[in-house]
Every structure is written in structure tokens, then in C-alpha cells.
């Protein structure tokens, strides 16, 4: 009987201790922001599936955040936002590409956004919102 009580207490403590582990790193950085310049866009692949958990930081932010499970990221116009595409293959014209598109809430591509990547250079997004970048690149978008 005593072993069962100790086992139950140990299991209860373990459940309480691990309760917060493994959760998402996404937080709604601008949750309490009130203003007209707050804009939300999304990072998606060529089929429209979200790129979640991509680290990013904008000029108006004091700390890094991550894209939401639906690829959402927010910023205050006119921000420059830096995205860390570590773990993505980049765009090389082969089947292993990780195409990233910047779209609005209607899945319309945001073309003409100027950006610069550490290893790729300076350009602007294509009409469908996609852009060129190298594997594990860090890119700044001038939003």
C-alpha cells in the first residue's frame, strides 16, 4: 500500500513538472497592441501550407518571436523584419527546394517586397510572394 502511495505521488509530481514541456514557442507578440499600422502576413509553401515556428524579429520588437502554426507573423509598418530560415533548403530550381511565399489572409502573394539575404543578396519578392534564398539563410524584409 505504501509503495502505491509513493508511486502515485511520484507520478503526480512528474505530470505537474512536465506539464509545460513540449509546448509551442509561438507567442502573439503584438497581442495587446492597438494601432493602425499593425499588419499580419503569412509564410506558406507553394501549395499554401504554413511554415510554422520560423524565428523572426522586426524593428518594433524587443525580442525574437516565431511564426504561428498557420505561418502568421505580425509587424508594424514600416518595419524591417529578419527571418532565420535555418533548416530550409533554399531555392535552387530542383525538387528539393523549400519555396517560401509571403501572402495575405486571402493567400494572395505579396510581390515587390524588397529584401536582402546574408548569402543570396538583395532583390524583391516575385508576384506570387516567393523569393530566392540560399540554404539556412537569414533574410531581412523591408516591409
Protein backbone atom coordinates (compact mmCIF):
# COMPACT_ATOMS: atom_id res chain seq x y z
CA UNK A 1 0.00 0.00 0.00
CA UNK A 2 2.81 2.38 0.91
CA UNK A 3 4.56 1.68 -2.42
CA UNK A 4 1.37 2.55 -4.31
CA UNK A 5 1.08 5.89 -2.48
CA UNK A 6 4.73 6.75 -3.18
CA UNK A 7 4.33 5.69 -6.82
CA UNK A 8 1.16 7.80 -7.16
CA UNK A 9 2.86 10.84 -5.60
CA UNK A 10 5.91 10.45 -7.86
CA UNK A 11 3.72 10.17 -10.95
CA UNK A 12 1.69 13.22 -9.89
CA UNK A 13 4.83 15.31 -9.39
CA UNK A 14 6.20 14.18 -12.75
CA UNK A 15 2.96 15.16 -14.51
CA UNK A 16 2.97 18.58 -12.86
CA UNK A 17 6.67 19.13 -13.62
CA UNK A 18 6.34 18.15 -17.29
CA UNK A 19 3.05 19.94 -17.87
CA UNK A 20 4.70 22.94 -19.57
CA UNK A 21 7.25 20.98 -21.58
CA UNK A 22 6.91 20.43 -25.29
CA UNK A 23 4.59 23.36 -25.91
CA UNK A 24 4.77 25.69 -28.85
CA UNK A 25 7.24 28.55 -28.92
CA UNK A 26 4.78 30.83 -30.73
CA UNK A 27 3.57 33.83 -28.82
CA UNK A 28 1.37 36.63 -30.05
CA UNK A 29 3.95 39.38 -29.62
CA UNK A 30 1.52 42.17 -30.55
CA UNK A 31 -1.46 40.75 -28.65
CA UNK A 32 -2.12 43.98 -26.72
CA UNK A 33 -1.04 46.43 -29.45
CA UNK A 34 -3.62 48.98 -30.56
CA UNK A 35 -2.78 50.92 -33.72
CA UNK A 36 -3.48 51.33 -37.41
CA UNK A 37 -0.06 50.22 -38.64
CA UNK A 38 -0.19 46.63 -37.33
CA UNK A 39 -0.09 44.25 -40.30
CA UNK A 40 -0.30 40.47 -40.41
CA UNK A 41 1.02 38.31 -43.24
CA UNK A 42 1.79 34.59 -43.59
CA UNK A 43 4.69 32.37 -44.68
CA UNK A 44 3.48 29.42 -46.78
CA UNK A 45 4.93 26.92 -49.24
CA UNK A 46 3.98 26.63 -52.93
CA UNK A 47 0.86 24.60 -52.04
CA UNK A 48 -0.27 27.07 -49.39
CA UNK A 49 0.78 25.01 -46.36
CA UNK A 50 2.08 27.09 -43.46
CA UNK A 51 5.68 27.48 -42.39
CA UNK A 52 5.25 27.41 -38.62
CA UNK A 53 7.90 28.14 -36.00
CA UNK A 54 10.19 30.24 -38.24
CA UNK A 55 12.15 32.63 -35.97
CA UNK A 56 11.76 36.31 -36.80
CA UNK A 57 12.38 39.73 -35.28
CA UNK A 58 11.16 43.11 -36.52
CA UNK A 59 12.44 46.61 -35.72
CA UNK A 60 9.45 47.29 -33.46
CA UNK A 61 10.08 44.13 -31.40
CA UNK A 62 12.38 43.80 -28.40
CA UNK A 63 12.81 40.03 -28.71
CA UNK A 64 12.62 37.25 -31.28
CA UNK A 65 9.29 35.56 -31.94
CA UNK A 66 8.21 32.66 -34.18
CA UNK A 67 5.62 32.32 -36.90
CA UNK A 68 2.34 30.86 -35.67
CA UNK A 69 1.13 27.35 -36.59
CA UNK A 70 -0.69 28.92 -39.58
CA UNK A 71 2.51 30.75 -40.69
CA UNK A 72 1.27 34.08 -39.33
CA UNK A 73 3.64 36.90 -38.42
CA UNK A 74 2.82 40.48 -37.48
CA UNK A 75 4.75 43.72 -37.73
CA UNK A 76 4.23 47.47 -37.57
CA UNK A 77 4.63 49.31 -40.88
CA UNK A 78 7.33 50.38 -41.85
CA UNK A 79 9.32 47.63 -40.12
CA UNK A 80 12.29 45.65 -41.33
CA UNK A 81 11.81 42.03 -40.27
CA UNK A 82 14.58 39.43 -40.17
CA UNK A 83 13.70 35.75 -40.69
CA UNK A 84 16.01 32.83 -39.91
CA UNK A 85 15.43 30.08 -42.49
CA UNK A 86 17.80 27.64 -40.77
CA UNK A 87 16.86 24.09 -41.75
CA UNK A 88 15.28 25.05 -45.09
CA UNK A 89 16.91 24.03 -48.38
CA UNK A 90 16.66 27.33 -50.20
CA UNK A 91 15.72 27.79 -53.85
CA UNK A 92 17.95 26.16 -56.47
CA UNK A 93 15.50 25.01 -59.15
CA UNK A 94 15.39 21.35 -58.16
CA UNK A 95 12.89 19.09 -56.41
CA UNK A 96 14.47 19.68 -53.00
CA UNK A 97 13.54 23.37 -52.95
CA UNK A 98 11.77 24.81 -49.92
CA UNK A 99 9.75 27.52 -51.68
CA UNK A 100 8.62 30.18 -49.22
CA UNK A 101 5.90 32.66 -50.17
CA UNK A 102 4.69 35.75 -48.30
CA UNK A 103 0.92 36.00 -48.62
CA UNK A 104 -2.01 37.86 -47.08
CA UNK A 105 -5.06 36.34 -45.38
CA UNK A 106 -6.59 35.53 -48.79
CA UNK A 107 -3.48 33.62 -49.91
CA UNK A 108 -2.60 36.37 -52.39
CA UNK A 109 1.14 36.72 -52.95
CA UNK A 110 2.81 39.92 -51.77
CA UNK A 111 5.08 40.78 -54.67
CA UNK A 112 7.52 43.68 -54.79
CA UNK A 113 8.71 43.50 -51.17
CA UNK A 114 12.39 44.41 -51.08
CA UNK A 115 14.63 42.05 -49.13
CA UNK A 116 18.22 41.06 -48.61
CA UNK A 117 19.66 37.70 -47.57
CA UNK A 118 23.05 37.12 -45.95
CA UNK A 119 24.30 34.71 -48.61
CA UNK A 120 21.99 35.45 -51.54
CA UNK A 121 21.95 39.23 -51.93
CA UNK A 122 19.34 41.94 -52.45
CA UNK A 123 16.18 41.56 -54.53
CA UNK A 124 12.39 41.83 -54.25
CA UNK A 125 9.67 39.20 -53.94
CA UNK A 126 8.05 37.82 -57.08
CA UNK A 127 4.37 38.48 -57.86
CA UNK A 128 3.30 35.28 -56.07
CA UNK A 129 5.20 36.38 -52.92
CA UNK A 130 8.04 33.88 -53.37
CA UNK A 131 11.69 34.87 -53.21
CA UNK A 132 15.17 33.45 -53.73
CA UNK A 133 17.34 32.49 -50.78
CA UNK A 134 20.12 30.03 -50.00
CA UNK A 135 20.09 27.04 -47.64
CA UNK A 136 19.95 28.08 -43.95
CA UNK A 137 19.85 31.76 -44.99
CA UNK A 138 18.85 34.74 -42.86
CA UNK A 139 16.83 37.33 -44.78
CA UNK A 140 15.63 40.84 -43.92
CA UNK A 141 12.41 42.09 -45.50
CA UNK A 142 11.76 45.83 -45.76
CA UNK A 143 8.07 45.90 -45.01
